[in-house]
Amino acid sequence: MKLSEGKLKRMHALSNERGIIAAAAMDQRGSLQKSLAAGRGVDVKEITPEMMSEFKVAVSKVLTPHASAILLDPEFGLEAARARSKNAGLLLAYELSGYDNTRPGRLPDLLPHVSVKRIVDWGADAVKILIYYTPYEEASVNDIKHAFIERIGAECATYAIPFFLEFVGYDSKGGDEKGGEYAKAKPEIVKRSMEEFSKPQYMVDVLKVEVPINAEYVEGSSVYKGQKAYSREEALKHFREAAALAAKPFIYLSAGVSNAVFTESLKMAGDAGTDYSGVLCGRATWKEGIPVYAKQGVKALEDWLQREGVKNINAVNEAIRSATPWHAKLGIPAPGVQAPA
């Protein structure tokens, strides 16, 4: 698969010197507002846009020297984008936070005041879209989601900017996505989603995927909680099978789990020999700073990030030593390296 010159240049800006995407994520909106409100013991309406921006600036300023890029949102994150380290590329979210809960199927929508052109004008190196997706949803619902992604892929191709697609699985019957039954279903949901969005009509450049297992249900894992959904060998097999179905570079997302769970999951990815190309890691690095900011303010948050946040992101950086450069997954030379004649 060939990438345009514009996309290649921007992919290089998002990667470290090895061609690995070691990105921080700070594009949370509604969930961050709720968490800050809970930390302060106030109504969510009392969390102002200025507070949201201040929190994001602190995270961006302290963590991006240790990241190859940062994912932010255009609603509260543009100041944080300007505060990032010079070494860090920029991804901007294009979707409206959450999903349409007035009808079934968790249908996505776009930020009404944003376009790919505007994302390019704001200096981003990639467009990120999150959708909730399961192959077990009604075909008519998934058809809407497929068309939605096709449109965004075409828009990104027009402006020669990489398209990062994040898909988060769910139980279409309304079950607990953190429970044991969903843990058993998760590998197939992740695999079939990776296979679907690798198809050329979507024009996705990087798949941002969940790990195909829940590490807390892997017997013998460092975060095992006692209820088994898979043996370690079965878990590693799921990693290998999911990776084999991806025809595009893929990176793992932390999906709101703790740093310990995420680094254990990445260790399994490495042990399985998967050719993932890095991570986009958000809450696993900074979420424990939320109550610090809520109760003590931005200076206390910055101090906490310098101590604990940097430690967390460096633990993730250590865990992705086994990652494969994104250009190797595509079978193309590293940026700046000429293909043999």
C-alpha atoms as a PDB file:
ATOM      1  CA  MET A   1       0.000   0.000   0.000  1.00  0.00           C
ATOM      2  CA  LYS A   2       1.325   3.437  -0.942  1.00  0.00           C
ATOM      3  CA  LEU A   3       0.947   6.543   1.160  1.00  0.00           C
ATOM      4  CA  SER A   4       0.926  10.012  -0.389  1.00  0.00           C
ATOM      5  CA  GLU A   5       3.952  12.218   0.266  1.00  0.00           C
ATOM      6  CA  GLY A   6       1.837  14.395   2.572  1.00  0.00           C
ATOM      7  CA  LYS A   7       0.682  11.411   4.643  1.00  0.00           C
ATOM      8  CA  LEU A   8       4.219   9.969   4.816  1.00  0.00           C
ATOM      9  CA  LYS A   9       5.651  13.250   6.105  1.00  0.00           C
ATOM     10  CA  ARG A  10       2.966  13.514   8.766  1.00  0.00           C
ATOM     11  CA  MET A  11       3.325   9.867   9.852  1.00  0.00           C
ATOM     12  CA  HIS A  12       7.020  10.553  10.376  1.00  0.00           C
ATOM     13  CA  ALA A  13       6.118  13.562  12.583  1.00  0.00           C
ATOM     14  CA  LEU A  14       3.954  11.292  14.784  1.00  0.00           C
ATOM     15  CA  SER A  15       6.632   8.626  15.306  1.00  0.00           C
ATOM     16  CA  ASN A  16       9.841   8.313  17.265  1.00  0.00           C
ATOM     17  CA  GLU A  17      13.211   7.693  15.634  1.00  0.00           C
ATOM     18  CA  ARG A  18      12.417   3.957  15.360  1.00  0.00           C
ATOM     19  CA  GLY A  19       9.162   4.529  13.485  1.00  0.00           C
ATOM     20  CA  ILE A  20       7.103   3.659  16.576  1.00  0.00           C
ATOM     21  CA  ILE A  21       4.046   5.710  17.555  1.00  0.00           C
ATOM     22  CA  ALA A  22       4.504   6.386  21.275  1.00  0.00           C
ATOM     23  CA  ALA A  23       1.655   8.844  21.723  1.00  0.00           C
ATOM     24  CA  ALA A  24      -0.104  10.326  24.737  1.00  0.00           C
ATOM     25  CA  ALA A  25      -3.888  10.831  24.610  1.00  0.00           C
ATOM     26  CA  MET A  26      -5.761  13.722  26.203  1.00  0.00           C
ATOM     27  CA  ASP A  27      -8.896  14.116  24.059  1.00  0.00           C
ATOM     28  CA  GLN A  28     -11.365  13.107  26.786  1.00  0.00           C
ATOM     29  CA  ARG A  29     -14.211  15.564  27.143  1.00  0.00           C
ATOM     30  CA  GLY A  30     -17.478  14.469  28.787  1.00  0.00           C
ATOM     31  CA  SER A  31     -15.794  11.745  30.860  1.00  0.00           C
ATOM     32  CA  LEU A  32     -13.101  14.180  32.050  1.00  0.00           C
ATOM     33  CA  GLN A  33     -15.698  16.790  33.024  1.00  0.00           C
ATOM     34  CA  LYS A  34     -17.592  14.188  35.071  1.00  0.00           C
ATOM     35  CA  SER A  35     -14.409  12.959  36.773  1.00  0.00           C
ATOM     36  CA  LEU A  36     -13.292  16.494  37.652  1.00  0.00           C
ATOM     37  CA  ALA A  37     -16.772  17.289  39.009  1.00  0.00           C
ATOM     38  CA  ALA A  38     -16.716  14.122  41.134  1.00  0.00           C
ATOM     39  CA  GLY A  39     -13.231  15.016  42.412  1.00  0.00           C
ATOM     40  CA  ARG A  40     -14.439  18.475  43.443  1.00  0.00           C
ATOM     41  CA  GLY A  41     -17.792  17.269  44.735  1.00  0.00           C
ATOM     42  CA  VAL A  42     -19.647  19.700  42.470  1.00  0.00           C
ATOM     43  CA  ASP A  43     -22.158  19.566  39.635  1.00  0.00           C
ATOM     44  CA  VAL A  44     -20.608  18.895  36.216  1.00  0.00           C
ATOM     45  CA  LYS A  45     -21.816  22.340  35.039  1.00  0.00           C
ATOM     46  CA  GLU A  46     -19.308  23.928  37.427  1.00  0.00           C
ATOM     47  CA  ILE A  47     -16.380  22.464  35.473  1.00  0.00           C
ATOM     48  CA  THR A  48     -15.660  25.336  33.081  1.00  0.00           C
ATOM     49  CA  PRO A  49     -14.005  25.186  29.645  1.00  0.00           C
ATOM     50  CA  GLU A  50     -11.074  27.073  31.229  1.00  0.00           C
ATOM     51  CA  MET A  51     -10.568  24.272  33.787  1.00  0.00           C
ATOM     52  CA  MET A  52     -10.710  21.638  31.044  1.00  0.00           C
ATOM     53  CA  SER A  53      -8.131  23.530  29.006  1.00  0.00           C
ATOM     54  CA  GLU A  54      -5.887  24.103  32.046  1.00  0.00           C
ATOM     55  CA  PHE A  55      -5.864  20.373  32.864  1.00  0.00           C
ATOM     56  CA  LYS A  56      -5.005  19.473  29.264  1.00  0.00           C
ATOM     57  CA  VAL A  57      -2.235  22.082  29.049  1.00  0.00           C
ATOM     58  CA  ALA A  58      -0.582  20.627  32.167  1.00  0.00           C
ATOM     59  CA  VAL A  59      -0.709  17.075  30.788  1.00  0.00           C
ATOM     60  CA  SER A  60       0.571  18.185  27.380  1.00  0.00           C
ATOM     61  CA  LYS A  61       3.399  20.294  28.802  1.00  0.00           C
ATOM     62  CA  VAL A  62       4.699  17.636  31.215  1.00  0.00           C
ATOM     63  CA  LEU A  63       4.168  14.405  29.245  1.00  0.00           C
ATOM     64  CA  THR A  64       4.926  15.303  25.610  1.00  0.00           C
ATOM     65  CA  PRO A  65       8.720  15.479  26.144  1.00  0.00           C
ATOM     66  CA  HIS A  66       8.355  11.719  26.748  1.00  0.00           C
ATOM     67  CA  ALA A  67       5.987  11.011  23.822  1.00  0.00           C
ATOM     68  CA  SER A  68       6.247  10.996  20.025  1.00  0.00           C
ATOM     69  CA  ALA A  69       2.845  12.727  19.710  1.00  0.00           C
ATOM     70  CA  ILE A  70      -0.267  13.751  21.606  1.00  0.00           C
ATOM     71  CA  LEU A  71      -3.952  13.308  20.801  1.00  0.00           C
ATOM     72  CA  LEU A  72      -6.125  16.286  21.747  1.00  0.00           C
ATOM     73  CA  ASP A  73      -9.577  17.634  20.906  1.00  0.00           C
ATOM     74  CA  PRO A  74     -10.467  20.935  19.193  1.00  0.00           C
ATOM     75  CA  GLU A  75     -13.039  21.821  21.868  1.00  0.00           C
ATOM     76  CA  PHE A  76     -10.750  22.242  24.896  1.00  0.00           C
ATOM     77  CA  GLY A  77      -7.335  21.140  23.609  1.00  0.00           C
ATOM     78  CA  LEU A  78      -6.019  23.732  21.159  1.00  0.00           C
ATOM     79  CA  GLU A  79      -4.114  25.629  23.857  1.00  0.00           C
ATOM     80  CA  ALA A  80      -2.633  22.309  25.016  1.00  0.00           C
ATOM     81  CA  ALA A  81      -1.599  21.645  21.392  1.00  0.00           C
ATOM     82  CA  ARG A  82       0.402  24.880  21.449  1.00  0.00           C
ATOM     83  CA  ALA A  83       1.937  23.906  24.824  1.00  0.00           C
ATOM     84  CA  ARG A  84       3.276  20.543  23.601  1.00  0.00           C
ATOM     85  CA  SER A  85       6.974  19.774  23.260  1.00  0.00           C
ATOM     86  CA  LYS A  86       8.540  20.546  19.854  1.00  0.00           C
ATOM     87  CA  ASN A  87       9.399  16.854  19.382  1.00  0.00           C
ATOM     88  CA  ALA A  88       5.741  15.760  19.580  1.00  0.00           C
ATOM     89  CA  GLY A  89       3.369  15.426  16.643  1.00  0.00           C
ATOM     90  CA  LEU A  90      -0.324  16.279  16.974  1.00  0.00           C
ATOM     91  CA  LEU A  91      -3.492  14.264  16.390  1.00  0.00           C
ATOM     92  CA  LEU A  92      -6.866  15.970  16.682  1.00  0.00           C
ATOM     93  CA  ALA A  93     -10.195  14.267  17.353  1.00  0.00           C
ATOM     94  CA  TYR A  94     -12.967  14.866  14.820  1.00  0.00           C
ATOM     95  CA  GLU A  95     -15.882  13.097  16.501  1.00  0.00           C
ATOM     96  CA  LEU A  96     -18.437  14.454  18.925  1.00  0.00           C
ATOM     97  CA  SER A  97     -17.768  13.053  22.409  1.00  0.00           C
ATOM     98  CA  GLY A  98     -19.934  10.037  23.289  1.00  0.00           C
ATOM     99  CA  TYR A  99     -22.645   8.741  20.953  1.00  0.00           C
ATOM    100  CA  ASP A 100     -26.278   9.251  20.013  1.00  0.00           C
ATOM    101  CA  ASN A 101     -28.236   7.629  22.877  1.00  0.00           C
ATOM    102  CA  THR A 102     -31.648   8.590  21.490  1.00  0.00           C
ATOM    103  CA  ARG A 103     -31.631   5.460  19.311  1.00  0.00           C
ATOM    104  CA  PRO A 104     -29.951   2.046  19.509  1.00  0.00           C
ATOM    105  CA  GLY A 105     -26.564   1.194  18.050  1.00  0.00           C
ATOM    106  CA  ARG A 106     -24.285   3.852  19.592  1.00  0.00           C
ATOM    107  CA  LEU A 107     -24.200   5.868  16.367  1.00  0.00           C
ATOM    108  CA  PRO A 108     -21.357   8.399  16.001  1.00  0.00           C
ATOM    109  CA  ASP A 109     -21.427  12.030  14.956  1.00  0.00           C
ATOM    110  CA  LEU A 110     -18.870  14.695  14.045  1.00  0.00           C
ATOM    111  CA  LEU A 111     -18.069  17.957  15.802  1.00  0.00           C
ATOM    112  CA  PRO A 112     -20.319  20.408  13.952  1.00  0.00           C
ATOM    113  CA  HIS A 113     -17.746  23.238  13.785  1.00  0.00           C
ATOM    114  CA  VAL A 114     -14.858  21.019  12.609  1.00  0.00           C
ATOM    115  CA  SER A 115     -13.725  19.673   9.226  1.00  0.00           C
ATOM    116  CA  VAL A 116     -10.586  17.878   8.077  1.00  0.00           C
ATOM    117  CA  LYS A 117      -9.503  21.121   6.402  1.00  0.00           C
ATOM    118  CA  ARG A 118      -9.775  22.949   9.731  1.00  0.00           C
ATOM    119  CA  ILE A 119      -7.865  20.178  11.510  1.00  0.00           C
ATOM    120  CA  VAL A 120      -5.068  20.620   8.947  1.00  0.00           C
ATOM    121  CA  ASP A 121      -5.201  24.407   9.402  1.00  0.00           C
ATOM    122  CA  TRP A 122      -4.801  23.953  13.189  1.00  0.00           C
ATOM    123  CA  GLY A 123      -1.473  22.222  12.511  1.00  0.00           C
ATOM    124  CA  ALA A 124      -2.445  18.606  13.152  1.00  0.00           C
ATOM    125  CA  ASP A 125      -0.509  15.661  11.724  1.00  0.00           C
ATOM    126  CA  ALA A 126      -3.460  13.223  11.873  1.00  0.00           C
ATOM    127  CA  VAL A 127      -7.234  12.994  12.197  1.00  0.00           C
ATOM    128  CA  LYS A 128      -8.634  10.643  14.850  1.00  0.00           C
ATOM    129  CA  ILE A 129     -12.132   9.206  14.865  1.00  0.00           C
ATOM    130  CA  LEU A 130     -13.619   7.019  17.606  1.00  0.00           C
ATOM    131  CA  ILE A 131     -16.600   4.792  16.943  1.00  0.00           C
ATOM    132  CA  TYR A 132     -18.269   2.140  19.059  1.00  0.00           C
ATOM    133  CA  TYR A 133     -18.334  -1.025  16.992  1.00  0.00           C
ATOM    134  CA  THR A 134     -19.236  -4.682  17.278  1.00  0.00           C
ATOM    135  CA  PRO A 135     -19.716  -7.150  14.434  1.00  0.00           C
ATOM    136  CA  TYR A 136     -22.712  -8.515  16.389  1.00  0.00           C
ATOM    137  CA  GLU A 137     -24.734  -5.309  15.970  1.00  0.00           C
ATOM    138  CA  GLU A 138     -27.675  -5.116  13.535  1.00  0.00           C
ATOM    139  CA  ALA A 139     -26.390  -5.057   9.946  1.00  0.00           C
ATOM    140  CA  SER A 140     -28.396  -1.889   9.219  1.00  0.00           C
ATOM    141  CA  VAL A 141     -26.655  -0.077  12.121  1.00  0.00           C
ATOM    142  CA  ASN A 142     -23.181  -1.197  11.055  1.00  0.00           C
ATOM    143  CA  ASP A 143     -23.928  -0.145   7.473  1.00  0.00           C
ATOM    144  CA  ILE A 144     -24.410   3.439   8.749  1.00  0.00           C
ATOM    145  CA  LYS A 145     -21.065   3.232  10.573  1.00  0.00           C
ATOM    146  CA  HIS A 146     -19.307   1.826   7.492  1.00  0.00           C
ATOM    147  CA  ALA A 147     -20.572   4.705   5.308  1.00  0.00           C
ATOM    148  CA  PHE A 148     -19.565   7.206   8.031  1.00  0.00           C
ATOM    149  CA  ILE A 149     -15.958   5.917   7.998  1.00  0.00           C
ATOM    150  CA  GLU A 150     -15.825   5.819   4.180  1.00  0.00           C
ATOM    151  CA  ARG A 151     -16.706   9.529   4.052  1.00  0.00           C
ATOM    152  CA  ILE A 152     -14.006  10.483   6.575  1.00  0.00           C
ATOM    153  CA  GLY A 153     -11.406   8.339   4.793  1.00  0.00           C
ATOM    154  CA  ALA A 154     -12.109  10.196   1.554  1.00  0.00           C
ATOM    155  CA  GLU A 155     -11.925  13.586   3.305  1.00  0.00           C
ATOM    156  CA  CYS A 156      -8.537  12.709   4.841  1.00  0.00           C
ATOM    157  CA  ALA A 157      -7.216  11.483   1.475  1.00  0.00           C
ATOM    158  CA  THR A 158      -8.189  14.819  -0.100  1.00  0.00           C
ATOM    159  CA  TYR A 159      -6.082  16.735   2.438  1.00  0.00           C
ATOM    160  CA  ALA A 160      -3.242  14.151   2.559  1.00  0.00           C
ATOM    161  CA  ILE A 161      -3.514  13.716   6.338  1.00  0.00           C
ATOM    162  CA  PRO A 162      -3.310  10.311   8.064  1.00  0.00           C
ATOM    163  CA  PHE A 163      -6.585   8.831   9.303  1.00  0.00           C
ATOM    164  CA  PHE A 164      -6.396   7.054  12.691  1.00  0.00           C
ATOM    165  CA  LEU A 165      -9.543   5.030  13.390  1.00  0.00           C
ATOM    166  CA  GLU A 166     -10.273   3.956  16.960  1.00  0.00           C
ATOM    167  CA  PHE A 167     -13.005   1.380  17.450  1.00  0.00           C
ATOM    168  CA  VAL A 168     -14.193   0.398  20.894  1.00  0.00           C
ATOM    169  CA  GLY A 169     -16.180  -2.805  21.280  1.00  0.00           C
ATOM    170  CA  TYR A 170     -19.407  -3.115  23.237  1.00  0.00           C
ATOM    171  CA  ASP A 171     -22.127  -5.600  24.076  1.00  0.00           C
ATOM    172  CA  SER A 172     -25.037  -4.908  21.727  1.00  0.00           C
ATOM    173  CA  LYS A 173     -27.326  -6.633  24.257  1.00  0.00           C
ATOM    174  CA  GLY A 174     -26.334  -4.202  27.012  1.00  0.00           C
ATOM    175  CA  GLY A 175     -24.143  -6.489  29.149  1.00  0.00           C
ATOM    176  CA  ASP A 176     -21.197  -5.418  31.324  1.00  0.00           C
ATOM    177  CA  GLU A 177     -18.141  -4.786  29.125  1.00  0.00           C
ATOM    178  CA  LYS A 178     -15.864  -5.222  32.150  1.00  0.00           C
ATOM    179  CA  GLY A 179     -17.345  -8.590  33.142  1.00  0.00           C
ATOM    180  CA  GLY A 180     -16.287 -12.161  32.516  1.00  0.00           C
ATOM    181  CA  GLU A 181     -18.840 -12.952  29.796  1.00  0.00           C
ATOM    182  CA  TYR A 182     -17.750  -9.990  27.689  1.00  0.00           C
ATOM    183  CA  ALA A 183     -14.089 -10.921  28.297  1.00  0.00           C
ATOM    184  CA  LYS A 184     -14.807 -14.225  26.521  1.00  0.00           C
ATOM    185  CA  ALA A 185     -16.506 -12.464  23.590  1.00  0.00           C
ATOM    186  CA  LYS A 186     -13.918  -9.678  23.292  1.00  0.00           C
ATOM    187  CA  PRO A 187     -11.281 -11.495  21.181  1.00  0.00           C
ATOM    188  CA  GLU A 188     -13.722 -12.148  18.343  1.00  0.00           C
ATOM    189  CA  ILE A 189     -15.121  -8.596  18.498  1.00  0.00           C
ATOM    190  CA  VAL A 190     -11.616  -7.087  18.246  1.00  0.00           C
ATOM    191  CA  LYS A 191     -10.459  -9.482  15.499  1.00  0.00           C
ATOM    192  CA  ARG A 192     -13.463  -9.003  13.251  1.00  0.00           C
ATOM    193  CA  SER A 193     -13.363  -5.228  13.710  1.00  0.00           C
ATOM    194  CA  MET A 194      -9.647  -5.120  12.764  1.00  0.00           C
ATOM    195  CA  GLU A 195     -10.378  -7.218   9.700  1.00  0.00           C
ATOM    196  CA  GLU A 196     -13.310  -5.013   8.639  1.00  0.00           C
ATOM    197  CA  PHE A 197     -11.558  -1.653   8.887  1.00  0.00           C
ATOM    198  CA  SER A 198      -8.422  -2.926   7.148  1.00  0.00           C
ATOM    199  CA  LYS A 199     -10.500  -2.994   3.943  1.00  0.00           C
ATOM    200  CA  PRO A 200      -9.356  -0.469   1.325  1.00  0.00           C
ATOM    201  CA  GLN A 201     -12.664   1.401   0.934  1.00  0.00           C
ATOM    202  CA  TYR A 202     -12.261   2.989   4.386  1.00  0.00           C
ATOM    203  CA  MET A 203      -8.833   4.514   3.564  1.00  0.00           C
ATOM    204  CA  VAL A 204      -7.781   4.149   7.214  1.00  0.00           C
ATOM    205  CA  ASP A 205      -4.038   4.588   7.736  1.00  0.00           C
ATOM    206  CA  VAL A 206      -3.659   3.407  11.346  1.00  0.00           C
ATOM    207  CA  LEU A 207      -6.030   1.203  13.336  1.00  0.00           C
ATOM    208  CA  LYS A 208      -6.227   2.254  16.977  1.00  0.00           C
ATOM    209  CA  VAL A 209      -7.374  -0.948  18.657  1.00  0.00           C
ATOM    210  CA  GLU A 210      -8.131  -2.470  22.016  1.00  0.00           C
ATOM    211  CA  VAL A 211      -5.976  -5.378  23.121  1.00  0.00           C
ATOM    212  CA  PRO A 212      -7.962  -8.507  22.172  1.00  0.00           C
ATOM    213  CA  ILE A 213      -8.198  -9.812  25.735  1.00  0.00           C
ATOM    214  CA  ASN A 214      -8.931  -8.488  29.223  1.00  0.00           C
ATOM    215  CA  ALA A 215      -5.689  -9.042  31.169  1.00  0.00           C
ATOM    216  CA  GLU A 216      -7.592  -9.304  34.471  1.00  0.00           C
ATOM    217  CA  TYR A 217      -9.159 -12.557  33.192  1.00  0.00           C
ATOM    218  CA  VAL A 218      -5.905 -14.127  31.931  1.00  0.00           C
ATOM    219  CA  GLU A 219      -4.960 -16.909  34.323  1.00  0.00           C
ATOM    220  CA  GLY A 220      -1.539 -16.223  35.824  1.00  0.00           C
ATOM    221  CA  SER A 221      -1.240 -12.601  34.616  1.00  0.00           C
ATOM    222  CA  SER A 222       0.180 -10.061  37.071  1.00  0.00           C
ATOM    223  CA  VAL A 223      -3.275  -8.429  37.286  1.00  0.00           C
ATOM    224  CA  TYR A 224      -5.364 -11.644  37.359  1.00  0.00           C
ATOM    225  CA  LYS A 225      -8.414 -11.286  39.607  1.00  0.00           C
ATOM    226  CA  GLY A 226      -9.283 -14.961  40.001  1.00  0.00           C
ATOM    227  CA  GLN A 227     -11.952 -15.484  37.317  1.00  0.00           C
ATOM    228  CA  LYS A 228     -10.526 -17.170  34.230  1.00  0.00           C
ATOM    229  CA  ALA A 229     -11.625 -16.387  30.673  1.00  0.00           C
ATOM    230  CA  TYR A 230      -8.432 -17.624  29.006  1.00  0.00           C
ATOM    231  CA  SER A 231      -5.121 -19.282  29.812  1.00  0.00           C
ATOM    232  CA  ARG A 232      -1.974 -17.291  29.060  1.00  0.00           C
ATOM    233  CA  GLU A 233      -1.336 -19.372  25.940  1.00  0.00           C
ATOM    234  CA  GLU A 234      -4.898 -18.770  24.717  1.00  0.00           C
ATOM    235  CA  ALA A 235      -4.453 -15.038  25.333  1.00  0.00           C
ATOM    236  CA  LEU A 236      -1.204 -14.953  23.325  1.00  0.00           C
ATOM    237  CA  LYS A 237      -2.950 -16.832  20.510  1.00  0.00           C
ATOM    238  CA  HIS A 238      -5.671 -14.163  20.427  1.00  0.00           C
ATOM    239  CA  PHE A 239      -2.989 -11.460  20.119  1.00  0.00           C
ATOM    240  CA  ARG A 240      -1.355 -13.287  17.200  1.00  0.00           C
ATOM    241  CA  GLU A 241      -4.633 -13.962  15.394  1.00  0.00           C
ATOM    242  CA  ALA A 242      -5.815 -10.341  15.722  1.00  0.00           C
ATOM    243  CA  ALA A 243      -2.473  -9.012  14.439  1.00  0.00           C
ATOM    244  CA  ALA A 244      -2.597 -11.352  11.442  1.00  0.00           C
ATOM    245  CA  LEU A 245      -5.986  -9.922  10.413  1.00  0.00           C
ATOM    246  CA  ALA A 246      -4.739  -6.311  10.357  1.00  0.00           C
ATOM    247  CA  ALA A 247      -3.730  -5.231   6.857  1.00  0.00           C
ATOM    248  CA  LYS A 248      -2.810  -1.761   8.195  1.00  0.00           C
ATOM    249  CA  PRO A 249      -0.439  -0.611  10.945  1.00  0.00           C
ATOM    250  CA  PHE A 250      -2.172  -0.813  14.305  1.00  0.00           C
ATOM    251  CA  ILE A 251      -1.522   0.653  17.726  1.00  0.00           C
ATOM    252  CA  TYR A 252      -3.030  -0.254  21.088  1.00  0.00           C
ATOM    253  CA  LEU A 253      -5.201   2.064  23.156  1.00  0.00           C
ATOM    254  CA  SER A 254      -5.333   1.939  26.935  1.00  0.00           C
ATOM    255  CA  ALA A 255      -9.178   2.034  27.077  1.00  0.00           C
ATOM    256  CA  GLY A 256      -9.231   3.609  30.531  1.00  0.00           C
ATOM    257  CA  VAL A 257      -7.489   0.725  32.329  1.00  0.00           C
ATOM    258  CA  SER A 258      -4.826   1.208  34.995  1.00  0.00           C
ATOM    259  CA  ASN A 259      -1.152   1.555  34.112  1.00  0.00           C
ATOM    260  CA  ALA A 260      -0.490  -1.906  35.605  1.00  0.00           C
ATOM    261  CA  VAL A 261      -3.175  -3.568  33.439  1.00  0.00           C
ATOM    262  CA  PHE A 262      -2.038  -1.765  30.282  1.00  0.00           C
ATOM    263  CA  THR A 263       1.672  -2.544  30.712  1.00  0.00           C
ATOM    264  CA  GLU A 264       0.820  -6.204  31.443  1.00  0.00           C
ATOM    265  CA  SER A 265      -1.272  -6.272  28.234  1.00  0.00           C
ATOM    266  CA  LEU A 266       1.639  -4.796  26.262  1.00  0.00           C
ATOM    267  CA  LYS A 267       3.988  -7.399  27.730  1.00  0.00           C
ATOM    268  CA  MET A 268       1.666 -10.108  26.412  1.00  0.00           C
ATOM    269  CA  ALA A 269       1.597  -8.412  22.988  1.00  0.00           C
ATOM    270  CA  GLY A 270       5.396  -8.550  22.972  1.00  0.00           C
ATOM    271  CA  ASP A 271       5.507 -12.169  24.187  1.00  0.00           C
ATOM    272  CA  ALA A 272       3.040 -13.099  21.432  1.00  0.00           C
ATOM    273  CA  GLY A 273       5.315 -11.525  18.807  1.00  0.00           C
ATOM    274  CA  THR A 274       2.603  -9.206  17.445  1.00  0.00           C
ATOM    275  CA  ASP A 275       3.664  -6.555  14.943  1.00  0.00           C
ATOM    276  CA  TYR A 276       1.849  -3.642  16.599  1.00  0.00           C
ATOM    277  CA  SER A 277       3.364  -0.225  15.900  1.00  0.00           C
ATOM    278  CA  GLY A 278       2.967   1.515  19.248  1.00  0.00           C
ATOM    279  CA  VAL A 279       0.322   2.994  21.510  1.00  0.00           C
ATOM    280  CA  LEU A 280      -1.998   5.890  22.091  1.00  0.00           C
ATOM    281  CA  CYS A 281      -2.128   5.901  25.853  1.00  0.00           C
ATOM    282  CA  GLY A 282      -4.322   8.285  27.808  1.00  0.00           C
ATOM    283  CA  ARG A 283      -5.886   7.674  31.185  1.00  0.00           C
ATOM    284  CA  ALA A 284      -3.394   4.963  32.173  1.00  0.00           C
ATOM    285  CA  THR A 285      -0.775   7.699  32.500  1.00  0.00           C
ATOM    286  CA  TRP A 286      -2.670  10.654  33.982  1.00  0.00           C
ATOM    287  CA  LYS A 287      -6.067   9.664  35.415  1.00  0.00           C
ATOM    288  CA  GLU A 288      -4.834   9.473  39.021  1.00  0.00           C
ATOM    289  CA  GLY A 289      -3.939  13.160  38.673  1.00  0.00           C
ATOM    290  CA  ILE A 290      -7.629  14.107  38.343  1.00  0.00           C
ATOM    291  CA  PRO A 291      -8.367  14.246  42.112  1.00  0.00           C
ATOM    292  CA  VAL A 292      -5.056  16.067  42.641  1.00  0.00           C
ATOM    293  CA  TYR A 293      -6.123  18.854  40.250  1.00  0.00           C
ATOM    294  CA  ALA A 294      -9.710  18.843  41.517  1.00  0.00           C
ATOM    295  CA  LYS A 295      -8.660  19.377  45.144  1.00  0.00           C
ATOM    296  CA  GLN A 296      -5.319  21.210  44.914  1.00  0.00           C
ATOM    297  CA  GLY A 297      -5.168  22.978  41.544  1.00  0.00           C
ATOM    298  CA  VAL A 298      -2.883  23.039  38.533  1.00  0.00           C
ATOM    299  CA  LYS A 299       0.484  23.430  40.292  1.00  0.00           C
ATOM    300  CA  ALA A 300      -0.168  20.298  42.368  1.00  0.00           C
ATOM    301  CA  LEU A 301      -1.208  18.480  39.178  1.00  0.00           C
ATOM    302  CA  GLU A 302       2.012  19.492  37.405  1.00  0.00           C
ATOM    303  CA  ASP A 303       4.052  18.267  40.390  1.00  0.00           C
ATOM    304  CA  TRP A 304       2.145  14.963  40.383  1.00  0.00           C
ATOM    305  CA  LEU A 305       2.636  14.570  36.615  1.00  0.00           C
ATOM    306  CA  GLN A 306       6.381  15.227  36.940  1.00  0.00           C
ATOM    307  CA  ARG A 307       6.607  12.476  39.557  1.00  0.00           C
ATOM    308  CA  GLU A 308       3.962   9.868  38.723  1.00  0.00           C
ATOM    309  CA  GLY A 309       2.773  10.765  35.207  1.00  0.00           C
ATOM    310  CA  VAL A 310       6.299  10.680  33.776  1.00  0.00           C
ATOM    311  CA  LYS A 311       6.938   7.387  35.594  1.00  0.00           C
ATOM    312  CA  ASN A 312       3.726   5.972  34.072  1.00  0.00           C
ATOM    313  CA  ILE A 313       4.493   7.078  30.517  1.00  0.00           C
ATOM    314  CA  ASN A 314       8.047   5.784  30.777  1.00  0.00           C
ATOM    315  CA  ALA A 315       6.695   2.399  31.936  1.00  0.00           C
ATOM    316  CA  VAL A 316       4.608   2.318  28.744  1.00  0.00           C
ATOM    317  CA  ASN A 317       7.622   3.408  26.645  1.00  0.00           C
ATOM    318  CA  GLU A 318       9.607   0.551  28.160  1.00  0.00           C
ATOM    319  CA  ALA A 319       6.768  -1.895  27.441  1.00  0.00           C
ATOM    320  CA  ILE A 320       6.650  -1.000  23.718  1.00  0.00           C
ATOM    321  CA  ARG A 321      10.275  -1.832  22.979  1.00  0.00           C
ATOM    322  CA  SER A 322       8.867  -4.886  21.197  1.00  0.00           C
ATOM    323  CA  ALA A 323       6.798  -2.754  18.770  1.00  0.00           C
ATOM    324  CA  THR A 324       7.322  -2.892  14.983  1.00  0.00           C
ATOM    325  CA  PRO A 325       7.804   0.299  12.895  1.00  0.00           C
ATOM    326  CA  TRP A 326       4.613   1.270  11.061  1.00  0.00           C
ATOM    327  CA  HIS A 327       6.449   1.431   7.735  1.00  0.00           C
ATOM    328  CA  ALA A 328       7.550  -2.219   8.155  1.00  0.00           C
ATOM    329  CA  LYS A 329       3.895  -3.260   8.493  1.00  0.00           C
ATOM    330  CA  LEU A 330       3.237  -1.519   5.165  1.00  0.00           C
ATOM    331  CA  GLY A 331       6.302  -3.077   3.564  1.00  0.00           C
ATOM    332  CA  ILE A 332       7.777   0.296   2.621  1.00  0.00           C
ATOM    333  CA  PRO A 333      11.212   1.810   3.403  1.00  0.00           C
ATOM    334  CA  ALA A 334      11.677   3.960   6.482  1.00  0.00           C
ATOM    335  CA  PRO A 335      11.146   7.690   5.787  1.00  0.00           C
ATOM    336  CA  GLY A 336      14.300   9.083   4.211  1.00  0.00           C
ATOM    337  CA  VAL A 337      15.526   5.625   3.150  1.00  0.00           C
ATOM    338  CA  GLN A 338      15.552   4.922  -0.560  1.00  0.00           C
ATOM    339  CA  ALA A 339      13.962   1.686  -1.757  1.00  0.00           C
ATOM    340  CA  PRO A 340      16.539  -0.633  -3.391  1.00  0.00           C
ATOM    341  CA  ALA A 341      16.678  -0.317  -7.189  1.00  0.00           C
END
